[in-house]
Amino acid sequence: MQQITLSKRINELLVLAVLDHGPAHGYQIALSVEERTGGAFSFQHGTLYPILHRLEAEGRLQSEWHGERRRRKTYHLTAAGRAELAAGAEELERQFQALFGLIRGTHVA
């Protein structure tokens, strides 16, 4: 089983999951994460934007500028982003099963 930096991976998947429901700008993404997780997860400004820029540089997101007076950069998933979301969700599920197995005292094969 491959080890990952769990918090980094979760943050990326939170962004991808929100954008799987449609394009959004950074502030909308942060609000959606907090609302959809009942406050269990939230982003600080300094955390979210580096993630968005990295995912865009990796080809998982694309962005467009919108508006004239108040310009906003809107992000949307690419096919690579959708594939990463699916693979990441499966990977996290396996890791959480292993974690819960350890906590509950059951063996994970």
PDB file of N, CA and C in Angstrom:
ATOM      1  N   MET A   1       0.848  -1.184   0.000  1.00  0.00           N
ATOM      2  CA  MET A   1       0.000   0.000   0.000  1.00  0.00           C
ATOM      3  C   MET A   1       0.889   1.242   0.000  1.00  0.00           C
ATOM      4  N   GLN A   2       0.627   2.162  -0.904  1.00  0.00           N
ATOM      5  CA  GLN A   2       1.411   3.375  -1.014  1.00  0.00           C
ATOM      6  C   GLN A   2       1.040   4.350   0.092  1.00  0.00           C
ATOM      7  N   GLN A   3       2.059   4.975   0.707  1.00  0.00           N
ATOM      8  CA  GLN A   3       1.813   5.975   1.724  1.00  0.00           C
ATOM      9  C   GLN A   3       1.725   7.342   1.065  1.00  0.00           C
ATOM     10  N   ILE A   4       0.854   8.185   1.598  1.00  0.00           N
ATOM     11  CA  ILE A   4       0.691   9.529   1.057  1.00  0.00           C
ATOM     12  C   ILE A   4       0.654  10.525   2.195  1.00  0.00           C
ATOM     13  N   THR A   5       0.825  11.785   1.866  1.00  0.00           N
ATOM     14  CA  THR A   5       0.593  12.844   2.829  1.00  0.00           C
ATOM     15  C   THR A   5      -0.910  13.050   2.864  1.00  0.00           C
ATOM     16  N   LEU A   6      -1.527  12.548   3.904  1.00  0.00           N
ATOM     17  CA  LEU A   6      -2.984  12.478   3.956  1.00  0.00           C
ATOM     18  C   LEU A   6      -3.651  13.844   3.874  1.00  0.00           C
ATOM     19  N   SER A   7      -3.174  14.820   4.626  1.00  0.00           N
ATOM     20  CA  SER A   7      -3.852  16.119   4.614  1.00  0.00           C
ATOM     21  C   SER A   7      -3.760  16.776   3.241  1.00  0.00           C
ATOM     22  N   LYS A   8      -2.617  16.672   2.574  1.00  0.00           N
ATOM     23  CA  LYS A   8      -2.476  17.239   1.223  1.00  0.00           C
ATOM     24  C   LYS A   8      -3.446  16.551   0.271  1.00  0.00           C
ATOM     25  N   ARG A   9      -3.512  15.253   0.353  1.00  0.00           N
ATOM     26  CA  ARG A   9      -4.372  14.477  -0.535  1.00  0.00           C
ATOM     27  C   ARG A   9      -5.846  14.811  -0.306  1.00  0.00           C
ATOM     28  N   ILE A  10      -6.237  14.906   0.949  1.00  0.00           N
ATOM     29  CA  ILE A  10      -7.631  15.231   1.262  1.00  0.00           C
ATOM     30  C   ILE A  10      -7.975  16.620   0.738  1.00  0.00           C
ATOM     31  N   ASN A  11      -7.098  17.579   0.943  1.00  0.00           N
ATOM     32  CA  ASN A  11      -7.363  18.938   0.461  1.00  0.00           C
ATOM     33  C   ASN A  11      -7.552  18.961  -1.053  1.00  0.00           C
ATOM     34  N   GLU A  12      -6.701  18.247  -1.773  1.00  0.00           N
ATOM     35  CA  GLU A  12      -6.846  18.191  -3.224  1.00  0.00           C
ATOM     36  C   GLU A  12      -8.179  17.557  -3.622  1.00  0.00           C
ATOM     37  N   LEU A  13      -8.538  16.473  -2.945  1.00  0.00           N
ATOM     38  CA  LEU A  13      -9.780  15.786  -3.278  1.00  0.00           C
ATOM     39  C   LEU A  13     -11.008  16.617  -2.918  1.00  0.00           C
ATOM     40  N   LEU A  14     -10.922  17.407  -1.858  1.00  0.00           N
ATOM     41  CA  LEU A  14     -12.020  18.308  -1.519  1.00  0.00           C
ATOM     42  C   LEU A  14     -12.266  19.297  -2.654  1.00  0.00           C
ATOM     43  N   VAL A  15     -11.193  19.873  -3.188  1.00  0.00           N
ATOM     44  CA  VAL A  15     -11.311  20.818  -4.299  1.00  0.00           C
ATOM     45  C   VAL A  15     -11.897  20.127  -5.521  1.00  0.00           C
ATOM     46  N   LEU A  16     -11.347  18.970  -5.866  1.00  0.00           N
ATOM     47  CA  LEU A  16     -11.833  18.241  -7.041  1.00  0.00           C
ATOM     48  C   LEU A  16     -13.298  17.852  -6.883  1.00  0.00           C
ATOM     49  N   ALA A  17     -13.692  17.439  -5.691  1.00  0.00           N
ATOM     50  CA  ALA A  17     -15.080  17.026  -5.447  1.00  0.00           C
ATOM     51  C   ALA A  17     -16.043  18.194  -5.615  1.00  0.00           C
ATOM     52  N   VAL A  18     -15.671  19.351  -5.122  1.00  0.00           N
ATOM     53  CA  VAL A  18     -16.534  20.526  -5.296  1.00  0.00           C
ATOM     54  C   VAL A  18     -16.668  20.863  -6.774  1.00  0.00           C
ATOM     55  N   LEU A  19     -15.549  20.856  -7.482  1.00  0.00           N
ATOM     56  CA  LEU A  19     -15.586  21.220  -8.903  1.00  0.00           C
ATOM     57  C   LEU A  19     -16.231  20.146  -9.763  1.00  0.00           C
ATOM     58  N   ASP A  20     -16.388  18.953  -9.241  1.00  0.00           N
ATOM     59  CA  ASP A  20     -17.101  17.905  -9.960  1.00  0.00           C
ATOM     60  C   ASP A  20     -18.583  18.272 -10.125  1.00  0.00           C
ATOM     61  N   HIS A  21     -19.061  19.191  -9.295  1.00  0.00           N
ATOM     62  CA  HIS A  21     -20.448  19.657  -9.364  1.00  0.00           C
ATOM     63  C   HIS A  21     -20.604  20.876 -10.253  1.00  0.00           C
ATOM     64  N   GLY A  22     -19.489  21.388 -10.782  1.00  0.00           N
ATOM     65  CA  GLY A  22     -19.548  22.528 -11.693  1.00  0.00           C
ATOM     66  C   GLY A  22     -18.465  23.539 -11.398  1.00  0.00           C
ATOM     67  N   PRO A  23     -18.219  24.435 -12.351  1.00  0.00           N
ATOM     68  CA  PRO A  23     -17.172  25.444 -12.190  1.00  0.00           C
ATOM     69  C   PRO A  23     -17.443  26.360 -10.997  1.00  0.00           C
ATOM     70  N   ALA A  24     -16.365  26.877 -10.412  1.00  0.00           N
ATOM     71  CA  ALA A  24     -16.481  27.793  -9.273  1.00  0.00           C
ATOM     72  C   ALA A  24     -15.197  28.597  -9.141  1.00  0.00           C
ATOM     73  N   HIS A  25     -15.312  29.750  -8.510  1.00  0.00           N
ATOM     74  CA  HIS A  25     -14.110  30.519  -8.208  1.00  0.00           C
ATOM     75  C   HIS A  25     -13.636  30.138  -6.809  1.00  0.00           C
ATOM     76  N   GLY A  26     -12.443  30.578  -6.460  1.00  0.00           N
ATOM     77  CA  GLY A  26     -11.810  30.148  -5.214  1.00  0.00           C
ATOM     78  C   GLY A  26     -12.668  30.312  -3.975  1.00  0.00           C
ATOM     79  N   TYR A  27     -13.266  31.483  -3.804  1.00  0.00           N
ATOM     80  CA  TYR A  27     -14.077  31.719  -2.617  1.00  0.00           C
ATOM     81  C   TYR A  27     -15.279  30.781  -2.577  1.00  0.00           C
ATOM     82  N   GLN A  28     -15.897  30.533  -3.734  1.00  0.00           N
ATOM     83  CA  GLN A  28     -17.018  29.593  -3.800  1.00  0.00           C
ATOM     84  C   GLN A  28     -16.571  28.186  -3.401  1.00  0.00           C
ATOM     85  N   ILE A  29     -15.389  27.800  -3.845  1.00  0.00           N
ATOM     86  CA  ILE A  29     -14.862  26.474  -3.504  1.00  0.00           C
ATOM     87  C   ILE A  29     -14.705  26.361  -1.995  1.00  0.00           C
ATOM     88  N   ALA A  30     -14.094  27.367  -1.386  1.00  0.00           N
ATOM     89  CA  ALA A  30     -13.889  27.348   0.065  1.00  0.00           C
ATOM     90  C   ALA A  30     -15.216  27.268   0.813  1.00  0.00           C
ATOM     91  N   LEU A  31     -16.200  28.064   0.384  1.00  0.00           N
ATOM     92  CA  LEU A  31     -17.519  28.032   1.032  1.00  0.00           C
ATOM     93  C   LEU A  31     -18.192  26.678   0.851  1.00  0.00           C
ATOM     94  N   SER A  32     -18.118  26.129  -0.343  1.00  0.00           N
ATOM     95  CA  SER A  32     -18.753  24.837  -0.618  1.00  0.00           C
ATOM     96  C   SER A  32     -18.151  23.731   0.220  1.00  0.00           C
ATOM     97  N   VAL A  33     -16.841  23.728   0.361  1.00  0.00           N
ATOM     98  CA  VAL A  33     -16.188  22.705   1.185  1.00  0.00           C
ATOM     99  C   VAL A  33     -16.698  22.792   2.611  1.00  0.00           C
ATOM    100  N   GLU A  34     -16.719  23.990   3.152  1.00  0.00           N
ATOM    101  CA  GLU A  34     -17.162  24.155   4.533  1.00  0.00           C
ATOM    102  C   GLU A  34     -18.634  23.783   4.694  1.00  0.00           C
ATOM    103  N   GLU A  35     -19.482  24.225   3.773  1.00  0.00           N
ATOM    104  CA  GLU A  35     -20.909  23.929   3.861  1.00  0.00           C
ATOM    105  C   GLU A  35     -21.192  22.450   3.679  1.00  0.00           C
ATOM    106  N   ARG A  36     -20.597  21.834   2.661  1.00  0.00           N
ATOM    107  CA  ARG A  36     -20.884  20.435   2.338  1.00  0.00           C
ATOM    108  C   ARG A  36     -20.309  19.446   3.343  1.00  0.00           C
ATOM    109  N   THR A  37     -19.322  19.899   4.130  1.00  0.00           N
ATOM    110  CA  THR A  37     -18.761  19.004   5.149  1.00  0.00           C
ATOM    111  C   THR A  37     -19.232  19.378   6.547  1.00  0.00           C
ATOM    112  N   GLY A  38     -20.205  20.262   6.627  1.00  0.00           N
ATOM    113  CA  GLY A  38     -20.719  20.670   7.931  1.00  0.00           C
ATOM    114  C   GLY A  38     -19.654  21.319   8.803  1.00  0.00           C
ATOM    115  N   GLY A  39     -18.695  21.968   8.172  1.00  0.00           N
ATOM    116  CA  GLY A  39     -17.641  22.644   8.911  1.00  0.00           C
ATOM    117  C   GLY A  39     -16.477  21.755   9.313  1.00  0.00           C
ATOM    118  N   ALA A  40     -16.537  20.477   8.960  1.00  0.00           N
ATOM    119  CA  ALA A  40     -15.444  19.559   9.319  1.00  0.00           C
ATOM    120  C   ALA A  40     -14.147  19.925   8.601  1.00  0.00           C
ATOM    121  N   PHE A  41     -14.278  20.508   7.402  1.00  0.00           N
ATOM    122  CA  PHE A  41     -13.115  20.933   6.625  1.00  0.00           C
ATOM    123  C   PHE A  41     -13.311  22.378   6.205  1.00  0.00           C
ATOM    124  N   SER A  42     -12.217  23.126   6.180  1.00  0.00           N
ATOM    125  CA  SER A  42     -12.256  24.497   5.683  1.00  0.00           C
ATOM    126  C   SER A  42     -10.879  24.849   5.148  1.00  0.00           C
ATOM    127  N   PHE A  43     -10.838  25.872   4.314  1.00  0.00           N
ATOM    128  CA  PHE A  43      -9.590  26.331   3.724  1.00  0.00           C
ATOM    129  C   PHE A  43      -9.282  27.740   4.182  1.00  0.00           C
ATOM    130  N   GLN A  44      -8.033  27.978   4.438  1.00  0.00           N
ATOM    131  CA  GLN A  44      -7.537  29.331   4.629  1.00  0.00           C
ATOM    132  C   GLN A  44      -7.068  29.831   3.270  1.00  0.00           C
ATOM    133  N   HIS A  45      -7.060  31.134   3.085  1.00  0.00           N
ATOM    134  CA  HIS A  45      -6.651  31.716   1.806  1.00  0.00           C
ATOM    135  C   HIS A  45      -5.282  31.200   1.365  1.00  0.00           C
ATOM    136  N   GLY A  46      -4.361  31.110   2.281  1.00  0.00           N
ATOM    137  CA  GLY A  46      -3.006  30.682   1.949  1.00  0.00           C
ATOM    138  C   GLY A  46      -2.884  29.210   1.619  1.00  0.00           C
ATOM    139  N   THR A  47      -3.917  28.430   1.888  1.00  0.00           N
ATOM    140  CA  THR A  47      -3.901  26.995   1.595  1.00  0.00           C
ATOM    141  C   THR A  47      -4.562  26.690   0.259  1.00  0.00           C
ATOM    142  N   LEU A  48      -5.695  27.289   0.009  1.00  0.00           N
ATOM    143  CA  LEU A  48      -6.493  26.947  -1.164  1.00  0.00           C
ATOM    144  C   LEU A  48      -5.830  27.340  -2.481  1.00  0.00           C
ATOM    145  N   TYR A  49      -5.358  28.550  -2.587  1.00  0.00           N
ATOM    146  CA  TYR A  49      -4.869  29.018  -3.881  1.00  0.00           C
ATOM    147  C   TYR A  49      -3.625  28.284  -4.375  1.00  0.00           C
ATOM    148  N   PRO A  50      -2.677  27.941  -3.517  1.00  0.00           N
ATOM    149  CA  PRO A  50      -1.573  27.103  -4.009  1.00  0.00           C
ATOM    150  C   PRO A  50      -2.052  25.736  -4.525  1.00  0.00           C
ATOM    151  N   ILE A  51      -3.077  25.179  -3.898  1.00  0.00           N
ATOM    152  CA  ILE A  51      -3.639  23.909  -4.369  1.00  0.00           C
ATOM    153  C   ILE A  51      -4.258  24.098  -5.752  1.00  0.00           C
ATOM    154  N   LEU A  52      -5.038  25.153  -5.916  1.00  0.00           N
ATOM    155  CA  LEU A  52      -5.664  25.424  -7.215  1.00  0.00           C
ATOM    156  C   LEU A  52      -4.605  25.613  -8.303  1.00  0.00           C
ATOM    157  N   HIS A  53      -3.573  26.376  -7.999  1.00  0.00           N
ATOM    158  CA  HIS A  53      -2.515  26.620  -8.990  1.00  0.00           C
ATOM    159  C   HIS A  53      -1.768  25.338  -9.335  1.00  0.00           C
ATOM    160  N   ARG A  54      -1.487  24.517  -8.340  1.00  0.00           N
ATOM    161  CA  ARG A  54      -0.785  23.250  -8.587  1.00  0.00           C
ATOM    162  C   ARG A  54      -1.644  22.305  -9.426  1.00  0.00           C
ATOM    163  N   LEU A  55      -2.920  22.166  -9.069  1.00  0.00           N
ATOM    164  CA  LEU A  55      -3.811  21.286  -9.831  1.00  0.00           C
ATOM    165  C   LEU A  55      -3.974  21.773 -11.271  1.00  0.00           C
ATOM    166  N   GLU A  56      -3.974  23.084 -11.450  1.00  0.00           N
ATOM    167  CA  GLU A  56      -4.063  23.618 -12.810  1.00  0.00           C
ATOM    168  C   GLU A  56      -2.764  23.328 -13.575  1.00  0.00           C
ATOM    169  N   ALA A  57      -1.627  23.526 -12.943  1.00  0.00           N
ATOM    170  CA  ALA A  57      -0.335  23.255 -13.596  1.00  0.00           C
ATOM    171  C   ALA A  57      -0.198  21.777 -13.957  1.00  0.00           C
ATOM    172  N   GLU A  58      -0.816  20.900 -13.166  1.00  0.00           N
ATOM    173  CA  GLU A  58      -0.763  19.453 -13.418  1.00  0.00           C
ATOM    174  C   GLU A  58      -1.802  19.010 -14.446  1.00  0.00           C
ATOM    175  N   GLY A  59      -2.645  19.924 -14.910  1.00  0.00           N
ATOM    176  CA  GLY A  59      -3.642  19.593 -15.914  1.00  0.00           C
ATOM    177  C   GLY A  59      -4.923  19.006 -15.366  1.00  0.00           C
ATOM    178  N   ARG A  60      -5.122  19.073 -14.053  1.00  0.00           N
ATOM    179  CA  ARG A  60      -6.340  18.530 -13.456  1.00  0.00           C
ATOM    180  C   ARG A  60      -7.481  19.548 -13.435  1.00  0.00           C
ATOM    181  N   LEU A  61      -7.114  20.823 -13.536  1.00  0.00           N
ATOM    182  CA  LEU A  61      -8.079  21.920 -13.594  1.00  0.00           C
ATOM    183  C   LEU A  61      -7.723  22.831 -14.751  1.00  0.00           C
ATOM    184  N   GLN A  62      -8.725  23.555 -15.234  1.00  0.00           N
ATOM    185  CA  GLN A  62      -8.512  24.656 -16.161  1.00  0.00           C
ATOM    186  C   GLN A  62      -9.227  25.859 -15.571  1.00  0.00           C
ATOM    187  N   SER A  63      -8.779  27.037 -15.952  1.00  0.00           N
ATOM    188  CA  SER A  63      -9.406  28.241 -15.412  1.00  0.00           C
ATOM    189  C   SER A  63      -9.686  29.244 -16.519  1.00  0.00           C
ATOM    190  N   GLU A  64     -10.616  30.136 -16.218  1.00  0.00           N
ATOM    191  CA  GLU A  64     -10.972  31.232 -17.108  1.00  0.00           C
ATOM    192  C   GLU A  64     -11.245  32.452 -16.247  1.00  0.00           C
ATOM    193  N   TRP A  65     -10.900  33.620 -16.776  1.00  0.00           N
ATOM    194  CA  TRP A  65     -11.238  34.869 -16.113  1.00  0.00           C
ATOM    195  C   TRP A  65     -12.615  35.311 -16.580  1.00  0.00           C
ATOM    196  N   HIS A  66     -13.425  35.810 -15.624  1.00  0.00           N
ATOM    197  CA  HIS A  66     -14.772  36.294 -15.927  1.00  0.00           C
ATOM    198  C   HIS A  66     -14.968  37.665 -15.293  1.00  0.00           C
ATOM    199  N   GLY A  67     -15.828  38.439 -15.907  1.00  0.00           N
ATOM    200  CA  GLY A  67     -16.181  39.746 -15.363  1.00  0.00           C
ATOM    201  C   GLY A  67     -15.307  40.847 -15.903  1.00  0.00           C
ATOM    202  N   GLU A  68     -15.807  42.069 -15.775  1.00  0.00           N
ATOM    203  CA  GLU A  68     -15.050  43.226 -16.240  1.00  0.00           C
ATOM    204  C   GLU A  68     -14.601  44.092 -15.070  1.00  0.00           C
ATOM    205  N   ARG A  69     -15.515  44.523 -14.250  1.00  0.00           N
ATOM    206  CA  ARG A  69     -15.145  45.388 -13.126  1.00  0.00           C
ATOM    207  C   ARG A  69     -14.474  44.572 -12.030  1.00  0.00           C
ATOM    208  N   ARG A  70     -15.092  43.480 -11.682  1.00  0.00           N
ATOM    209  CA  ARG A  70     -14.544  42.614 -10.643  1.00  0.00           C
ATOM    210  C   ARG A  70     -14.253  41.261 -11.279  1.00  0.00           C
ATOM    211  N   ARG A  71     -13.027  41.098 -11.715  1.00  0.00           N
ATOM    212  CA  ARG A  71     -12.652  39.869 -12.412  1.00  0.00           C
ATOM    213  C   ARG A  71     -12.443  38.742 -11.420  1.00  0.00           C
ATOM    214  N   ARG A  72     -12.924  37.578 -11.804  1.00  0.00           N
ATOM    215  CA  ARG A  72     -12.770  36.369 -10.992  1.00  0.00           C
ATOM    216  C   ARG A  72     -12.282  35.247 -11.872  1.00  0.00           C
ATOM    217  N   LYS A  73     -11.412  34.461 -11.302  1.00  0.00           N
ATOM    218  CA  LYS A  73     -10.908  33.297 -12.010  1.00  0.00           C
ATOM    219  C   LYS A  73     -11.771  32.109 -11.614  1.00  0.00           C
ATOM    220  N   THR A  74     -12.401  31.495 -12.604  1.00  0.00           N
ATOM    221  CA  THR A  74     -13.267  30.352 -12.359  1.00  0.00           C
ATOM    222  C   THR A  74     -12.541  29.086 -12.795  1.00  0.00           C
ATOM    223  N   TYR A  75     -12.617  28.068 -11.955  1.00  0.00           N
ATOM    224  CA  TYR A  75     -11.934  26.802 -12.200  1.00  0.00           C
ATOM    225  C   TYR A  75     -12.950  25.731 -12.559  1.00  0.00           C
ATOM    226  N   HIS A  76     -12.534  24.810 -13.429  1.00  0.00           N
ATOM    227  CA  HIS A  76     -13.362  23.643 -13.710  1.00  0.00           C
ATOM    228  C   HIS A  76     -12.458  22.426 -13.916  1.00  0.00           C
ATOM    229  N   LEU A  77     -13.056  21.259 -13.692  1.00  0.00           N
ATOM    230  CA  LEU A  77     -12.312  20.002 -13.811  1.00  0.00           C
ATOM    231  C   LEU A  77     -12.014  19.666 -15.263  1.00  0.00           C
ATOM    232  N   THR A  78     -10.884  19.032 -15.461  1.00  0.00           N
ATOM    233  CA  THR A  78     -10.559  18.427 -16.742  1.00  0.00           C
ATOM    234  C   THR A  78     -10.845  16.933 -16.625  1.00  0.00           C
ATOM    235  N   ALA A  79     -10.708  16.213 -17.717  1.00  0.00           N
ATOM    236  CA  ALA A  79     -10.866  14.752 -17.663  1.00  0.00           C
ATOM    237  C   ALA A  79      -9.843  14.152 -16.699  1.00  0.00           C
ATOM    238  N   ALA A  80      -8.633  14.708 -16.700  1.00  0.00           N
ATOM    239  CA  ALA A  80      -7.601  14.214 -15.773  1.00  0.00           C
ATOM    240  C   ALA A  80      -8.000  14.475 -14.321  1.00  0.00           C
ATOM    241  N   GLY A  81      -8.673  15.589 -14.077  1.00  0.00           N
ATOM    242  CA  GLY A  81      -9.145  15.897 -12.731  1.00  0.00           C
ATOM    243  C   GLY A  81     -10.224  14.932 -12.265  1.00  0.00           C
ATOM    244  N   ARG A  82     -11.129  14.587 -13.161  1.00  0.00           N
ATOM    245  CA  ARG A  82     -12.181  13.613 -12.822  1.00  0.00           C
ATOM    246  C   ARG A  82     -11.579  12.239 -12.536  1.00  0.00           C
ATOM    247  N   ALA A  83     -10.598  11.856 -13.337  1.00  0.00           N
ATOM    248  CA  ALA A  83      -9.931  10.567 -13.114  1.00  0.00           C
ATOM    249  C   ALA A  83      -9.185  10.576 -11.790  1.00  0.00           C
ATOM    250  N   GLU A  84      -8.548  11.689 -11.475  1.00  0.00           N
ATOM    251  CA  GLU A  84      -7.818  11.813 -10.198  1.00  0.00           C
ATOM    252  C   GLU A  84      -8.775  11.759  -9.019  1.00  0.00           C
ATOM    253  N   LEU A  85      -9.931  12.364  -9.140  1.00  0.00           N
ATOM    254  CA  LEU A  85     -10.935  12.331  -8.075  1.00  0.00           C
ATOM    255  C   LEU A  85     -11.382  10.893  -7.816  1.00  0.00           C
ATOM    256  N   ALA A  86     -11.679  10.159  -8.869  1.00  0.00           N
ATOM    257  CA  ALA A  86     -12.117   8.766  -8.717  1.00  0.00           C
ATOM    258  C   ALA A  86     -11.024   7.906  -8.100  1.00  0.00           C
ATOM    259  N   ALA A  87      -9.800   8.030  -8.606  1.00  0.00           N
ATOM    260  CA  ALA A  87      -8.689   7.229  -8.083  1.00  0.00           C
ATOM    261  C   ALA A  87      -8.370   7.623  -6.642  1.00  0.00           C
ATOM    262  N   GLY A  88      -8.400   8.906  -6.361  1.00  0.00           N
ATOM    263  CA  GLY A  88      -8.107   9.381  -5.008  1.00  0.00           C
ATOM    264  C   GLY A  88      -9.142   8.938  -4.001  1.00  0.00           C
ATOM    265  N   ALA A  89     -10.404   8.933  -4.401  1.00  0.00           N
ATOM    266  CA  ALA A  89     -11.465   8.486  -3.499  1.00  0.00           C
ATOM    267  C   ALA A  89     -11.289   7.013  -3.150  1.00  0.00           C
ATOM    268  N   GLU A  90     -10.947   6.202  -4.138  1.00  0.00           N
ATOM    269  CA  GLU A  90     -10.705   4.771  -3.878  1.00  0.00           C
ATOM    270  C   GLU A  90      -9.504   4.576  -2.961  1.00  0.00           C
ATOM    271  N   GLU A  91      -8.456   5.334  -3.211  1.00  0.00           N
ATOM    272  CA  GLU A  91      -7.247   5.236  -2.396  1.00  0.00           C
ATOM    273  C   GLU A  91      -7.520   5.627  -0.940  1.00  0.00           C
ATOM    274  N   LEU A  92      -8.233   6.732  -0.746  1.00  0.00           N
ATOM    275  CA  LEU A  92      -8.561   7.164   0.615  1.00  0.00           C
ATOM    276  C   LEU A  92      -9.465   6.164   1.317  1.00  0.00           C
ATOM    277  N   GLU A  93     -10.395   5.590   0.586  1.00  0.00           N
ATOM    278  CA  GLU A  93     -11.274   4.592   1.188  1.00  0.00           C
ATOM    279  C   GLU A  93     -10.466   3.407   1.718  1.00  0.00           C
ATOM    280  N   ARG A  94      -9.501   2.936   0.926  1.00  0.00           N
ATOM    281  CA  ARG A  94      -8.641   1.826   1.380  1.00  0.00           C
ATOM    282  C   ARG A  94      -7.840   2.230   2.617  1.00  0.00           C
ATOM    283  N   GLN A  95      -7.302   3.445   2.608  1.00  0.00           N
ATOM    284  CA  GLN A  95      -6.499   3.889   3.744  1.00  0.00           C
ATOM    285  C   GLN A  95      -7.344   4.055   5.001  1.00  0.00           C
ATOM    286  N   PHE A  96      -8.551   4.602   4.851  1.00  0.00           N
ATOM    287  CA  PHE A  96      -9.410   4.748   6.022  1.00  0.00           C
ATOM    288  C   PHE A  96      -9.887   3.396   6.536  1.00  0.00           C
ATOM    289  N   GLN A  97     -10.121   2.446   5.658  1.00  0.00           N
ATOM    290  CA  GLN A  97     -10.466   1.094   6.108  1.00  0.00           C
ATOM    291  C   GLN A  97      -9.327   0.509   6.927  1.00  0.00           C
ATOM    292  N   ALA A  98      -8.095   0.725   6.487  1.00  0.00           N
ATOM    293  CA  ALA A  98      -6.937   0.241   7.242  1.00  0.00           C
ATOM    294  C   ALA A  98      -6.850   0.941   8.595  1.00  0.00           C
ATOM    295  N   LEU A  99      -7.088   2.238   8.623  1.00  0.00           N
ATOM    296  CA  LEU A  99      -7.058   2.998   9.872  1.00  0.00           C
ATOM    297  C   LEU A  99      -8.134   2.504  10.838  1.00  0.00           C
ATOM    298  N   PHE A 100      -9.365   2.365  10.345  1.00  0.00           N
ATOM    299  CA  PHE A 100     -10.447   1.903  11.208  1.00  0.00           C
ATOM    300  C   PHE A 100     -10.229   0.463  11.652  1.00  0.00           C
ATOM    301  N   GLY A 101      -9.628  -0.337  10.781  1.00  0.00           N
ATOM    302  CA  GLY A 101      -9.280  -1.703  11.178  1.00  0.00           C
ATOM    303  C   GLY A 101      -8.307  -1.698  12.344  1.00  0.00           C
ATOM    304  N   LEU A 102      -7.333  -0.831  12.312  1.00  0.00           N
ATOM    305  CA  LEU A 102      -6.368  -0.729  13.409  1.00  0.00           C
ATOM    306  C   LEU A 102      -7.051  -0.258  14.684  1.00  0.00           C
ATOM    307  N   ILE A 103      -7.885   0.778  14.550  1.00  0.00           N
ATOM    308  CA  ILE A 103      -8.586   1.333  15.729  1.00  0.00           C
ATOM    309  C   ILE A 103      -9.527   0.292  16.341  1.00  0.00           C
ATOM    310  N   ARG A 104     -10.223  -0.463  15.508  1.00  0.00           N
ATOM    311  CA  ARG A 104     -11.199  -1.452  15.990  1.00  0.00           C
ATOM    312  C   ARG A 104     -10.576  -2.795  16.324  1.00  0.00           C
ATOM    313  N   GLY A 105      -9.299  -2.943  15.990  1.00  0.00           N
ATOM    314  CA  GLY A 105      -8.618  -4.193  16.301  1.00  0.00           C
ATOM    315  C   GLY A 105      -8.892  -5.310  15.311  1.00  0.00           C
ATOM    316  N   THR A 106      -9.329  -4.950  14.107  1.00  0.00           N
ATOM    317  CA  THR A 106      -9.561  -5.961  13.079  1.00  0.00           C
ATOM    318  C   THR A 106      -8.422  -5.917  12.076  1.00  0.00           C
ATOM    319  N   HIS A 107      -8.201  -7.009  11.414  1.00  0.00           N
ATOM    320  CA  HIS A 107      -7.084  -7.092  10.457  1.00  0.00           C
ATOM    321  C   HIS A 107      -7.549  -6.705   9.068  1.00  0.00           C
ATOM    322  N   VAL A 108      -6.721  -5.963   8.368  1.00  0.00           N
ATOM    323  CA  VAL A 108      -6.999  -5.581   6.990  1.00  0.00           C
ATOM    324  C   VAL A 108      -6.042  -6.352   6.098  1.00  0.00           C
ATOM    325  N   ALA A 109      -6.607  -7.069   5.133  1.00  0.00           N
ATOM    326  CA  ALA A 109      -5.761  -7.875   4.230  1.00  0.00           C
ATOM    327  C   ALA A 109      -5.354  -7.081   3.039  1.00  0.00           C
TER     328      ALA A 109
END
